[in-house]
C-alpha atoms as a PDB file:
ATOM      1  CA  MET A   1       0.000   0.000   0.000  1.00  0.00           C
ATOM      2  CA  ASN A   2       2.761   2.439   0.948  1.00  0.00           C
ATOM      3  CA  ASP A   3       4.637   1.746  -2.342  1.00  0.00           C
ATOM      4  CA  GLN A   4       1.444   2.406  -4.259  1.00  0.00           C
ATOM      5  CA  ILE A   5       0.951   5.752  -2.506  1.00  0.00           C
ATOM      6  CA  ARG A   6       4.544   6.788  -3.264  1.00  0.00           C
ATOM      7  CA  THR A   7       4.195   5.740  -6.903  1.00  0.00           C
ATOM      8  CA  GLU A   8       0.872   7.522  -7.329  1.00  0.00           C
ATOM      9  CA  HIS A   9       2.258  10.670  -5.695  1.00  0.00           C
ATOM     10  CA  PHE A  10       5.398  10.648  -7.831  1.00  0.00           C
ATOM     11  CA  ASN A  11       3.404   9.964 -11.008  1.00  0.00           C
ATOM     12  CA  SER A  12       0.861  12.672 -10.220  1.00  0.00           C
ATOM     13  CA  GLN A  13       3.646  15.149  -9.592  1.00  0.00           C
ATOM     14  CA  ASN A  14       5.192  14.352 -13.001  1.00  0.00           C
ATOM     15  CA  ASN A  15       2.328  16.327 -14.516  1.00  0.00           C
ATOM     16  CA  LEU A  16       3.902  19.460 -13.002  1.00  0.00           C
ATOM     17  CA  LEU A  17       7.321  18.891 -14.519  1.00  0.00           C
ATOM     18  CA  SER A  18       6.873  21.259 -17.444  1.00  0.00           C
ATOM     19  CA  ASP A  19       5.860  24.326 -15.468  1.00  0.00           C
ATOM     20  CA  LYS A  20       7.545  26.498 -12.863  1.00  0.00           C
ATOM     21  CA  ASP A  21       6.854  23.931 -10.115  1.00  0.00           C
ATOM     22  CA  TYR A  22       9.122  21.449 -11.889  1.00  0.00           C
ATOM     23  CA  PHE A  23      10.768  20.174  -8.719  1.00  0.00           C
ATOM     24  CA  ASN A  24       7.974  20.446  -6.199  1.00  0.00           C
ATOM     25  CA  PHE A  25       7.454  16.686  -6.066  1.00  0.00           C
ATOM     26  CA  GLU A  26       8.566  15.233  -2.774  1.00  0.00           C
ATOM     27  CA  THR A  27      11.689  13.133  -3.072  1.00  0.00           C
ATOM     28  CA  SER A  28      11.239  12.438   0.637  1.00  0.00           C
ATOM     29  CA  LEU A  29       8.311  10.167  -0.277  1.00  0.00           C
ATOM     30  CA  LEU A  30      10.568   7.909  -2.355  1.00  0.00           C
ATOM     31  CA  SER A  31      12.105   4.866  -0.731  1.00  0.00           C
ATOM     32  CA  ASP A  32      15.883   4.736  -0.476  1.00  0.00           C
ATOM     33  CA  SER A  33      16.014   2.137  -3.231  1.00  0.00           C
ATOM     34  CA  ASP A  34      13.749   4.204  -5.517  1.00  0.00           C
ATOM     35  CA  LEU A  35      15.806   7.296  -4.859  1.00  0.00           C
ATOM     36  CA  GLN A  36      18.989   5.403  -5.705  1.00  0.00           C
ATOM     37  CA  TYR A  37      17.357   3.933  -8.837  1.00  0.00           C
ATOM     38  CA  TYR A  38      16.339   7.351 -10.176  1.00  0.00           C
ATOM     39  CA  SER A  39      19.699   8.887  -9.347  1.00  0.00           C
ATOM     40  CA  GLU A  40      21.762   6.093 -10.922  1.00  0.00           C
ATOM     41  CA  ASN A  41      19.695   5.920 -14.106  1.00  0.00           C
ATOM     42  CA  LEU A  42      19.640   9.668 -14.535  1.00  0.00           C
ATOM     43  CA  ASN A  43      23.421   9.811 -14.032  1.00  0.00           C
ATOM     44  CA  ILE A  44      23.918   7.170 -16.726  1.00  0.00           C
ATOM     45  CA  ILE A  45      21.711   9.051 -19.161  1.00  0.00           C
ATOM     46  CA  ALA A  46      23.430  12.351 -18.363  1.00  0.00           C
ATOM     47  CA  LEU A  47      26.830  10.819 -19.079  1.00  0.00           C
ATOM     48  CA  GLU A  48      25.957   8.739 -22.139  1.00  0.00           C
ATOM     49  CA  TYR A  49      23.278  10.678 -24.001  1.00  0.00           C
ATOM     50  CA  ASN A  50      24.094  13.790 -25.999  1.00  0.00           C
ATOM     51  CA  PRO A  51      20.860  15.741 -26.557  1.00  0.00           C
ATOM     52  CA  PHE A  52      22.577  17.955 -29.146  1.00  0.00           C
ATOM     53  CA  GLU A  53      23.093  15.031 -31.533  1.00  0.00           C
ATOM     54  CA  GLN A  54      19.436  13.925 -31.531  1.00  0.00           C
ATOM     55  CA  ASN A  55      20.421  10.288 -32.074  1.00  0.00           C
ATOM     56  CA  GLU A  56      17.863   7.581 -31.565  1.00  0.00           C
ATOM     57  CA  ILE A  57      17.486   7.017 -27.849  1.00  0.00           C
ATOM     58  CA  ASP A  58      17.310   3.535 -26.378  1.00  0.00           C
ATOM     59  CA  PRO A  59      13.673   2.505 -25.691  1.00  0.00           C
ATOM     60  CA  GLU A  60      14.506   1.711 -22.062  1.00  0.00           C
ATOM     61  CA  ASP A  61      16.085   5.146 -21.584  1.00  0.00           C
ATOM     62  CA  LYS A  62      13.152   6.759 -23.365  1.00  0.00           C
ATOM     63  CA  SER A  63      10.759   5.024 -20.985  1.00  0.00           C
ATOM     64  CA  PHE A  64      12.770   6.223 -17.996  1.00  0.00           C
ATOM     65  CA  LEU A  65      12.841   9.809 -19.301  1.00  0.00           C
ATOM     66  CA  LYS A  66       9.085   9.683 -19.715  1.00  0.00           C
ATOM     67  CA  LYS A  67       8.719   8.368 -16.163  1.00  0.00           C
ATOM     68  CA  VAL A  68      10.680  11.272 -14.686  1.00  0.00           C
ATOM     69  CA  GLY A  69       9.116  13.859 -17.000  1.00  0.00           C
ATOM     70  CA  LEU A  70      12.154  14.724 -19.098  1.00  0.00           C
ATOM     71  CA  LEU A  71      11.069  13.182 -22.400  1.00  0.00           C
ATOM     72  CA  GLN A  72       9.086  16.285 -23.307  1.00  0.00           C
ATOM     73  CA  PHE A  73      12.293  18.352 -23.294  1.00  0.00           C
ATOM     74  CA  LEU A  74      14.276  16.268 -25.799  1.00  0.00           C
ATOM     75  CA  ASN A  75      13.455  18.664 -28.630  1.00  0.00           C
ATOM     76  CA  ASN A  76      15.369  21.441 -26.835  1.00  0.00           C
ATOM     77  CA  PRO A  77      18.868  20.249 -25.839  1.00  0.00           C
ATOM     78  CA  PHE A  78      19.546  23.239 -23.585  1.00  0.00           C
ATOM     79  CA  THR A  79      16.321  22.822 -21.610  1.00  0.00           C
ATOM     80  CA  PHE A  80      16.793  19.047 -21.453  1.00  0.00           C
ATOM     81  CA  THR A  81      20.316  19.431 -20.086  1.00  0.00           C
ATOM     82  CA  ASN A  82      19.246  22.096 -17.597  1.00  0.00           C
ATOM     83  CA  LYS A  83      16.278  20.093 -16.289  1.00  0.00           C
ATOM     84  CA  THR A  84      18.349  16.897 -16.102  1.00  0.00           C
ATOM     85  CA  LEU A  85      21.042  18.592 -14.024  1.00  0.00           C
ATOM     86  CA  GLN A  86      18.472  20.216 -11.740  1.00  0.00           C
ATOM     87  CA  LEU A  87      16.754  16.893 -11.161  1.00  0.00           C
ATOM     88  CA  LEU A  88      20.076  15.171 -10.490  1.00  0.00           C
ATOM     89  CA  ASP A  89      20.912  17.862  -7.954  1.00  0.00           C
ATOM     90  CA  LYS A  90      17.564  17.414  -6.203  1.00  0.00           C
ATOM     91  CA  LEU A  91      17.971  13.626  -6.042  1.00  0.00           C
ATOM     92  CA  GLU A  92      21.581  13.813  -4.832  1.00  0.00           C
ATOM     93  CA  THR A  93      20.673  16.388  -2.182  1.00  0.00           C
ATOM     94  CA  GLU A  94      17.965  14.070  -0.856  1.00  0.00           C
ATOM     95  CA  ILE A  95      20.398  11.155  -0.775  1.00  0.00           C
ATOM     96  CA  LYS A  96      22.953  13.223   1.164  1.00  0.00           C
ATOM     97  CA  ASN A  97      20.295  14.451   3.585  1.00  0.00           C
ATOM     98  CA  ARG A  98      19.315  10.890   4.374  1.00  0.00           C
ATOM     99  CA  GLN A  99      22.910   9.909   5.066  1.00  0.00           C
ATOM    100  CA  LYS A 100      23.264  12.519   7.833  1.00  0.00           C
END
């Protein structure tokens, strides 16, 4: 039940990702393993994917980007890069806060 609530909350907050409240979803509601999953996958994409080349993106990566709300920004490499880095920062900050 608790996992379902977290998933529903995170998914409902993804609808806000394109407006000024982009990062108002609560990372504190994610489990440690979910937080680590999002952080690791986003780091991999940030390192391996070049949004300026517009190459075909792996379907698994595309699915992940859709899940975190970044897929909609692929047509603008600057916005995509900016939003990706902001989201990585938010996730990493939450991870560090939990380690204190």
